[in-house]
Amino acid sequence: MRLCLSGLLFLFVISLPSGNGLFGNDGVEVRTCTALGGRCFFGCRVGWKWVAYCHNVLSCCLKLRRHPPPQVYETAH
């Protein structure tokens, strides 16, 4: 029973809107953040800039258009 619950918890955590996750992720749309041109995550990814808070838990992030860091182009193997 414990193993099953921990497995479900693991799947839930990796599906949260932070980083790329298991299935890829475009963030969460919150009206106040999309008005700024951003997306909401549990922390800004590499190549994104923090702008504001989304409901005191998530971070509103803008994608860097000019001069992104080189880590953005790395691919995970």
Protein backbone atom coordinates (compact mmCIF):
# COMPACT_ATOMS: atom_id res chain seq x y z
CA MET A 1 0.00 0.00 0.00
CA ARG A 2 2.78 2.42 0.88
CA LEU A 3 4.59 1.76 -2.38
CA CYS A 4 1.43 2.44 -4.36
CA LEU A 5 0.80 5.74 -2.57
CA SER A 6 4.39 6.87 -2.97
CA GLY A 7 4.21 6.01 -6.67
CA LEU A 8 1.06 8.08 -7.08
CA LEU A 9 2.66 10.94 -5.17
CA PHE A 10 5.71 10.74 -7.43
CA LEU A 11 3.54 10.91 -10.57
CA PHE A 12 1.66 13.86 -9.12
CA VAL A 13 4.84 15.76 -8.28
CA ILE A 14 6.45 15.27 -11.68
CA SER A 15 3.29 16.52 -13.37
CA LEU A 16 3.41 19.87 -11.53
CA PRO A 17 4.19 22.91 -13.69
CA SER A 18 7.88 23.26 -12.98
CA GLY A 19 10.70 22.61 -15.39
CA ASN A 20 10.08 20.27 -18.28
CA GLY A 21 8.58 17.42 -16.26
CA LEU A 22 7.92 14.00 -17.71
CA PHE A 23 5.43 15.06 -20.36
CA GLY A 24 6.68 18.58 -21.16
CA ASN A 25 5.00 21.64 -19.77
CA ASP A 26 3.95 25.07 -20.96
CA GLY A 27 3.11 26.42 -17.53
CA VAL A 28 -0.20 27.52 -16.13
CA GLU A 29 -2.29 30.35 -17.54
CA VAL A 30 -3.30 32.89 -14.91
CA ARG A 31 -4.95 36.05 -16.16
CA THR A 32 -2.71 38.44 -14.21
CA CYS A 33 0.42 36.74 -15.52
CA THR A 34 -0.72 36.45 -19.13
CA ALA A 35 -1.49 40.18 -19.04
CA LEU A 36 2.24 40.64 -18.41
CA GLY A 37 3.04 38.22 -21.24
CA GLY A 38 4.25 35.41 -18.97
CA ARG A 39 3.40 31.92 -17.75
CA CYS A 40 3.14 30.54 -14.20
CA PHE A 41 5.53 27.85 -12.90
CA PHE A 42 6.71 26.61 -9.48
CA GLY A 43 10.02 28.27 -10.28
CA CYS A 44 11.36 29.88 -13.43
CA ARG A 45 13.12 27.59 -15.86
CA VAL A 46 16.53 28.35 -17.34
CA GLY A 47 16.00 30.98 -20.01
CA TRP A 48 13.00 32.52 -18.25
CA LYS A 49 12.92 35.70 -16.12
CA TRP A 50 10.90 36.07 -12.90
CA VAL A 51 8.35 38.90 -13.10
CA ALA A 52 5.74 38.48 -10.36
CA TYR A 53 3.84 35.98 -8.20
CA CYS A 54 0.82 34.01 -9.37
CA HIS A 55 -1.53 33.49 -6.39
CA ASN A 56 1.37 33.59 -3.85
CA VAL A 57 2.58 30.09 -4.79
CA LEU A 58 3.59 30.08 -8.44
CA SER A 59 6.07 32.38 -10.16
CA CYS A 60 5.13 34.43 -13.21
CA CYS A 61 8.00 34.04 -15.68
CA LEU A 62 8.78 35.68 -19.03
CA LYS A 63 10.76 33.83 -21.67
CA LEU A 64 14.02 35.59 -22.51
CA ARG A 65 13.93 36.61 -26.15
CA ARG A 66 17.33 38.30 -26.35
CA HIS A 67 20.57 36.72 -25.16
CA PRO A 68 19.29 33.51 -23.52
CA PRO A 69 21.92 31.56 -21.53
CA PRO A 70 23.65 28.65 -23.30
CA GLN A 71 21.96 26.09 -20.99
CA VAL A 72 18.70 26.68 -22.87
CA TYR A 73 20.09 24.84 -25.89
CA GLU A 74 21.23 21.74 -23.99
CA THR A 75 19.24 18.58 -24.61
CA ALA A 76 18.66 15.95 -21.95
CA HIS A 77 19.68 12.40 -22.89
